[in-house]
Amino acid sequence: MTKKNIAPNIGLDPNPKAAKFKALGGAEHDEWNQWLASRTSMALPMDDTQAARAVISGMVDLKPADPIEGIIISQLMAANQASLSMYQLAWAHPQGYFEARTRYLALADKAARTAMMLTERLDQHRGRGQQQITVKHVTVNADQAVVTDQVVTGNPEGVAAALLGSVTERPMPTMKTIEPVGVGQTKE
């Protein structure tokens, strides 16, 4: 039997009904949401219905707002579960198997770092990871009046703006002029 290169006929509803499973994958189309949830449960290192339900409940609790967040949350769930499974395998080995235990712990740490990175990306996507930039312009007039102008971009609630620098109300004192002294000369 030979395979034919025939493209499948795929039809998407341009006006989808309200997605019942949007809480799983963040999309307006339930086909995506259900597919992502099933792939996430199949990516788990154990074949347990209760564990799959727990992971899917965790995905719902993280409330994906769009499909990008759904993907990140799905990968986060798989990485977290892989990390926990590797930790479990590391401690299941008897004391004499130091090298095996060390390798499992290294893999668990790698998966935990992946989960942490995905959490940071999720926060960035949601806008909580924004940086704040504060630019201060200070002008000192001939009358020694200080005029300041401050521009803040990013998160206006940030405390970092106050810590970046402060302008004193009084100008810097001028130093007295000192005559230069050459090498080998003394000042009298």
C-alpha atoms as a PDB file:
ATOM      1  CA  MET A   1       0.000   0.000   0.000  1.00  0.00           C
ATOM      2  CA  THR A   2       1.422   3.388  -0.932  1.00  0.00           C
ATOM      3  CA  LYS A   3       0.854   6.654   0.825  1.00  0.00           C
ATOM      4  CA  LYS A   4      -0.611   9.467  -1.172  1.00  0.00           C
ATOM      5  CA  ASN A   5       0.364  13.060  -0.511  1.00  0.00           C
ATOM      6  CA  ILE A   6      -3.140  14.323  -0.035  1.00  0.00           C
ATOM      7  CA  ALA A   7      -3.651  17.249   2.274  1.00  0.00           C
ATOM      8  CA  PRO A   8      -6.337  16.617   4.868  1.00  0.00           C
ATOM      9  CA  ASN A   9      -9.489  18.651   4.600  1.00  0.00           C
ATOM     10  CA  ILE A  10      -9.461  20.818   7.709  1.00  0.00           C
ATOM     11  CA  GLY A  11     -12.304  23.152   8.410  1.00  0.00           C
ATOM     12  CA  LEU A  12     -12.316  25.629  11.267  1.00  0.00           C
ATOM     13  CA  ASP A  13     -15.388  27.398  12.456  1.00  0.00           C
ATOM     14  CA  PRO A  14     -14.772  31.142  11.893  1.00  0.00           C
ATOM     15  CA  ASN A  15     -17.261  31.922  14.676  1.00  0.00           C
ATOM     16  CA  PRO A  16     -16.517  29.379  17.374  1.00  0.00           C
ATOM     17  CA  LYS A  17     -18.928  28.899  20.239  1.00  0.00           C
ATOM     18  CA  ALA A  18     -17.773  29.935  23.654  1.00  0.00           C
ATOM     19  CA  ALA A  19     -14.929  27.568  24.476  1.00  0.00           C
ATOM     20  CA  LYS A  20     -15.893  25.257  27.323  1.00  0.00           C
ATOM     21  CA  PHE A  21     -12.290  24.227  27.904  1.00  0.00           C
ATOM     22  CA  LYS A  22     -10.534  27.593  27.534  1.00  0.00           C
ATOM     23  CA  ALA A  23      -9.246  27.221  31.090  1.00  0.00           C
ATOM     24  CA  LEU A  24      -7.063  24.321  29.876  1.00  0.00           C
ATOM     25  CA  GLY A  25      -5.266  25.840  26.901  1.00  0.00           C
ATOM     26  CA  GLY A  26      -6.275  29.497  26.682  1.00  0.00           C
ATOM     27  CA  ALA A  27      -7.656  29.214  23.143  1.00  0.00           C
ATOM     28  CA  GLU A  28     -11.070  30.067  21.737  1.00  0.00           C
ATOM     29  CA  HIS A  29     -11.204  26.657  20.001  1.00  0.00           C
ATOM     30  CA  ASP A  30     -11.861  23.646  22.193  1.00  0.00           C
ATOM     31  CA  GLU A  31     -10.050  21.376  19.734  1.00  0.00           C
ATOM     32  CA  TRP A  32      -6.774  23.044  20.750  1.00  0.00           C
ATOM     33  CA  ASN A  33      -7.568  23.124  24.448  1.00  0.00           C
ATOM     34  CA  GLN A  34      -8.464  19.429  24.579  1.00  0.00           C
ATOM     35  CA  TRP A  35      -5.497  18.414  22.411  1.00  0.00           C
ATOM     36  CA  LEU A  36      -3.056  20.331  24.643  1.00  0.00           C
ATOM     37  CA  ALA A  37      -4.543  18.828  27.812  1.00  0.00           C
ATOM     38  CA  SER A  38      -4.334  15.286  26.410  1.00  0.00           C
ATOM     39  CA  ARG A  39      -0.725  15.783  25.229  1.00  0.00           C
ATOM     40  CA  THR A  40       0.225  17.169  28.623  1.00  0.00           C
ATOM     41  CA  SER A  41      -1.235  14.169  30.430  1.00  0.00           C
ATOM     42  CA  MET A  42       0.562  11.807  27.982  1.00  0.00           C
ATOM     43  CA  ALA A  43       3.865  13.593  28.692  1.00  0.00           C
ATOM     44  CA  LEU A  44       3.698  12.677  32.364  1.00  0.00           C
ATOM     45  CA  PRO A  45       6.235  10.068  33.456  1.00  0.00           C
ATOM     46  CA  MET A  46       3.545   7.885  35.021  1.00  0.00           C
ATOM     47  CA  ASP A  47       0.367   6.396  33.624  1.00  0.00           C
ATOM     48  CA  ASP A  48      -2.062   7.350  36.375  1.00  0.00           C
ATOM     49  CA  THR A  49      -5.506   8.880  35.875  1.00  0.00           C
ATOM     50  CA  GLN A  50      -5.471  10.580  39.272  1.00  0.00           C
ATOM     51  CA  ALA A  51      -2.098  12.213  38.530  1.00  0.00           C
ATOM     52  CA  ALA A  52      -3.336  13.366  35.121  1.00  0.00           C
ATOM     53  CA  ARG A  53      -6.417  14.907  36.749  1.00  0.00           C
ATOM     54  CA  ALA A  54      -4.219  16.674  39.284  1.00  0.00           C
ATOM     55  CA  VAL A  55      -1.945  18.114  36.570  1.00  0.00           C
ATOM     56  CA  ILE A  56      -4.923  19.236  34.475  1.00  0.00           C
ATOM     57  CA  SER A  57      -6.385  20.882  37.604  1.00  0.00           C
ATOM     58  CA  GLY A  58      -3.081  22.707  38.051  1.00  0.00           C
ATOM     59  CA  MET A  59      -3.259  23.945  34.462  1.00  0.00           C
ATOM     60  CA  VAL A  60      -6.754  25.292  35.111  1.00  0.00           C
ATOM     61  CA  ASP A  61      -5.593  26.997  38.314  1.00  0.00           C
ATOM     62  CA  LEU A  62      -2.825  28.828  36.418  1.00  0.00           C
ATOM     63  CA  LYS A  63      -5.543  30.329  34.162  1.00  0.00           C
ATOM     64  CA  PRO A  64      -3.968  30.555  30.693  1.00  0.00           C
ATOM     65  CA  ALA A  65      -5.207  33.727  28.995  1.00  0.00           C
ATOM     66  CA  ASP A  66      -4.128  32.731  25.492  1.00  0.00           C
ATOM     67  CA  PRO A  67      -2.641  29.736  23.637  1.00  0.00           C
ATOM     68  CA  ILE A  68       0.943  30.909  24.307  1.00  0.00           C
ATOM     69  CA  GLU A  69       0.308  30.779  28.036  1.00  0.00           C
ATOM     70  CA  GLY A  70      -1.370  27.407  27.537  1.00  0.00           C
ATOM     71  CA  ILE A  71       1.790  26.036  25.888  1.00  0.00           C
ATOM     72  CA  ILE A  72       4.078  27.454  28.586  1.00  0.00           C
ATOM     73  CA  ILE A  73       1.855  26.100  31.359  1.00  0.00           C
ATOM     74  CA  SER A  74       1.726  22.672  29.693  1.00  0.00           C
ATOM     75  CA  GLN A  75       5.525  22.525  29.442  1.00  0.00           C
ATOM     76  CA  LEU A  76       5.822  23.792  33.012  1.00  0.00           C
ATOM     77  CA  MET A  77       3.621  20.942  34.241  1.00  0.00           C
ATOM     78  CA  ALA A  78       5.666  18.328  32.369  1.00  0.00           C
ATOM     79  CA  ALA A  79       9.013  19.763  33.559  1.00  0.00           C
ATOM     80  CA  ASN A  80       7.832  19.947  37.164  1.00  0.00           C
ATOM     81  CA  GLN A  81       6.575  16.372  37.100  1.00  0.00           C
ATOM     82  CA  ALA A  82       9.818  15.161  35.502  1.00  0.00           C
ATOM     83  CA  SER A  83      11.808  16.931  38.197  1.00  0.00           C
ATOM     84  CA  LEU A  84       9.778  15.369  40.994  1.00  0.00           C
ATOM     85  CA  SER A  85      10.065  11.903  39.415  1.00  0.00           C
ATOM     86  CA  MET A  86      13.854  12.215  39.112  1.00  0.00           C
ATOM     87  CA  TYR A  87      14.138  13.264  42.754  1.00  0.00           C
ATOM     88  CA  GLN A  88      12.034  10.241  43.695  1.00  0.00           C
ATOM     89  CA  LEU A  89      14.267   7.903  41.667  1.00  0.00           C
ATOM     90  CA  ALA A  90      17.401   9.408  43.224  1.00  0.00           C
ATOM     91  CA  TRP A  91      16.264   8.689  46.759  1.00  0.00           C
ATOM     92  CA  ALA A  92      14.940   5.226  45.860  1.00  0.00           C
ATOM     93  CA  HIS A  93      18.492   3.912  45.209  1.00  0.00           C
ATOM     94  CA  PRO A  94      20.350   2.319  48.115  1.00  0.00           C
ATOM     95  CA  GLN A  95      23.213   4.200  49.730  1.00  0.00           C
ATOM     96  CA  GLY A  96      25.886   2.263  47.801  1.00  0.00           C
ATOM     97  CA  TYR A  97      24.844   3.586  44.395  1.00  0.00           C
ATOM     98  CA  PHE A  98      26.367   7.035  44.687  1.00  0.00           C
ATOM     99  CA  GLU A  99      26.909   7.593  40.953  1.00  0.00           C
ATOM    100  CA  ALA A 100      23.349   6.626  39.984  1.00  0.00           C
ATOM    101  CA  ARG A 101      21.918   8.799  42.732  1.00  0.00           C
ATOM    102  CA  THR A 102      24.110  11.727  41.647  1.00  0.00           C
ATOM    103  CA  ARG A 103      22.983  11.424  38.018  1.00  0.00           C
ATOM    104  CA  TYR A 104      19.311  11.338  38.969  1.00  0.00           C
ATOM    105  CA  LEU A 105      19.789  14.398  41.189  1.00  0.00           C
ATOM    106  CA  ALA A 106      21.556  16.239  38.334  1.00  0.00           C
ATOM    107  CA  LEU A 107      18.664  15.436  35.978  1.00  0.00           C
ATOM    108  CA  ALA A 108      16.149  16.522  38.621  1.00  0.00           C
ATOM    109  CA  ASP A 109      17.970  19.830  39.083  1.00  0.00           C
ATOM    110  CA  LYS A 110      18.021  20.389  35.318  1.00  0.00           C
ATOM    111  CA  ALA A 111      14.273  19.771  35.059  1.00  0.00           C
ATOM    112  CA  ALA A 112      13.665  22.059  38.075  1.00  0.00           C
ATOM    113  CA  ARG A 113      15.678  24.841  36.389  1.00  0.00           C
ATOM    114  CA  THR A 114      13.593  24.352  33.247  1.00  0.00           C
ATOM    115  CA  ALA A 115      10.409  24.684  35.308  1.00  0.00           C
ATOM    116  CA  MET A 116      11.778  27.855  36.909  1.00  0.00           C
ATOM    117  CA  MET A 117      12.677  29.317  33.498  1.00  0.00           C
ATOM    118  CA  LEU A 118       9.196  28.541  32.175  1.00  0.00           C
ATOM    119  CA  THR A 119       7.667  30.236  35.226  1.00  0.00           C
ATOM    120  CA  GLU A 120       9.749  33.346  34.530  1.00  0.00           C
ATOM    121  CA  ARG A 121       8.671  33.320  30.875  1.00  0.00           C
ATOM    122  CA  LEU A 122       5.044  33.025  31.933  1.00  0.00           C
ATOM    123  CA  ASP A 123       5.463  36.034  34.231  1.00  0.00           C
ATOM    124  CA  GLN A 124       7.153  37.972  31.430  1.00  0.00           C
ATOM    125  CA  HIS A 125       4.349  37.116  29.020  1.00  0.00           C
ATOM    126  CA  ARG A 126       1.793  38.248  31.574  1.00  0.00           C
ATOM    127  CA  GLY A 127       3.647  41.546  32.049  1.00  0.00           C
ATOM    128  CA  ARG A 128       4.873  41.066  35.605  1.00  0.00           C
ATOM    129  CA  GLY A 129       8.496  40.776  34.566  1.00  0.00           C
ATOM    130  CA  GLN A 130       8.781  44.289  33.146  1.00  0.00           C
ATOM    131  CA  GLN A 131      11.774  46.399  33.924  1.00  0.00           C
ATOM    132  CA  GLN A 132      11.507  49.979  35.044  1.00  0.00           C
ATOM    133  CA  ILE A 133      13.727  52.690  33.645  1.00  0.00           C
ATOM    134  CA  THR A 134      14.040  56.050  35.385  1.00  0.00           C
ATOM    135  CA  VAL A 135      15.718  58.981  33.668  1.00  0.00           C
ATOM    136  CA  LYS A 136      16.394  62.129  35.654  1.00  0.00           C
ATOM    137  CA  HIS A 137      17.466  65.387  34.100  1.00  0.00           C
ATOM    138  CA  VAL A 138      19.102  67.875  36.458  1.00  0.00           C
ATOM    139  CA  THR A 139      19.837  71.433  35.388  1.00  0.00           C
ATOM    140  CA  VAL A 140      21.635  73.943  37.589  1.00  0.00           C
ATOM    141  CA  ASN A 141      21.040  77.568  36.613  1.00  0.00           C
ATOM    142  CA  ALA A 142      23.497  80.405  37.153  1.00  0.00           C
ATOM    143  CA  ASP A 143      21.423  81.393  40.193  1.00  0.00           C
ATOM    144  CA  GLN A 144      22.065  77.880  41.531  1.00  0.00           C
ATOM    145  CA  ALA A 145      18.411  76.929  41.333  1.00  0.00           C
ATOM    146  CA  VAL A 146      18.009  73.204  40.720  1.00  0.00           C
ATOM    147  CA  VAL A 147      15.437  72.174  38.135  1.00  0.00           C
ATOM    148  CA  THR A 148      14.658  68.454  37.859  1.00  0.00           C
ATOM    149  CA  ASP A 149      12.615  66.509  35.381  1.00  0.00           C
ATOM    150  CA  GLN A 150      11.870  62.827  35.882  1.00  0.00           C
ATOM    151  CA  VAL A 151      10.619  60.321  33.300  1.00  0.00           C
ATOM    152  CA  VAL A 152       9.564  56.859  34.463  1.00  0.00           C
ATOM    153  CA  THR A 153       8.737  54.015  32.101  1.00  0.00           C
ATOM    154  CA  GLY A 154       7.644  50.518  33.008  1.00  0.00           C
ATOM    155  CA  ASN A 155       5.906  49.571  36.228  1.00  0.00           C
ATOM    156  CA  PRO A 156       4.823  52.810  37.971  1.00  0.00           C
ATOM    157  CA  GLU A 157       4.324  50.977  41.275  1.00  0.00           C
ATOM    158  CA  GLY A 158       8.007  50.080  41.498  1.00  0.00           C
ATOM    159  CA  VAL A 159      10.085  51.133  44.422  1.00  0.00           C
ATOM    160  CA  ALA A 160      13.271  51.000  42.382  1.00  0.00           C
ATOM    161  CA  ALA A 161      12.746  54.557  41.115  1.00  0.00           C
ATOM    162  CA  ALA A 162      13.340  55.954  44.580  1.00  0.00           C
ATOM    163  CA  LEU A 163      16.478  53.884  45.003  1.00  0.00           C
ATOM    164  CA  LEU A 164      18.080  54.786  41.673  1.00  0.00           C
ATOM    165  CA  GLY A 165      19.214  58.163  42.829  1.00  0.00           C
ATOM    166  CA  SER A 166      18.146  61.309  44.548  1.00  0.00           C
ATOM    167  CA  VAL A 167      18.813  64.955  43.857  1.00  0.00           C
ATOM    168  CA  THR A 168      19.943  67.091  46.747  1.00  0.00           C
ATOM    169  CA  GLU A 169      18.324  70.471  47.207  1.00  0.00           C
ATOM    170  CA  ARG A 170      21.590  72.350  47.702  1.00  0.00           C
ATOM    171  CA  PRO A 171      24.258  72.617  45.011  1.00  0.00           C
ATOM    172  CA  MET A 172      27.707  71.123  45.398  1.00  0.00           C
ATOM    173  CA  PRO A 173      30.183  73.471  47.094  1.00  0.00           C
ATOM    174  CA  THR A 174      32.902  74.906  44.894  1.00  0.00           C
ATOM    175  CA  MET A 175      36.463  73.964  45.699  1.00  0.00           C
ATOM    176  CA  LYS A 176      39.184  76.536  46.277  1.00  0.00           C
ATOM    177  CA  THR A 177      41.683  76.781  43.487  1.00  0.00           C
ATOM    178  CA  ILE A 178      45.032  75.287  44.351  1.00  0.00           C
ATOM    179  CA  GLU A 179      48.195  76.192  42.532  1.00  0.00           C
ATOM    180  CA  PRO A 180      49.932  73.172  41.015  1.00  0.00           C
ATOM    181  CA  VAL A 181      53.231  72.149  42.498  1.00  0.00           C
ATOM    182  CA  GLY A 182      55.926  70.679  40.249  1.00  0.00           C
ATOM    183  CA  VAL A 183      57.939  67.563  41.002  1.00  0.00           C
ATOM    184  CA  GLY A 184      60.807  68.263  43.405  1.00  0.00           C
ATOM    185  CA  GLN A 185      59.387  71.666  44.421  1.00  0.00           C
ATOM    186  CA  THR A 186      57.998  72.487  47.788  1.00  0.00           C
ATOM    187  CA  LYS A 187      55.287  74.939  48.574  1.00  0.00           C
ATOM    188  CA  GLU A 188      56.220  77.648  50.992  1.00  0.00           C
END
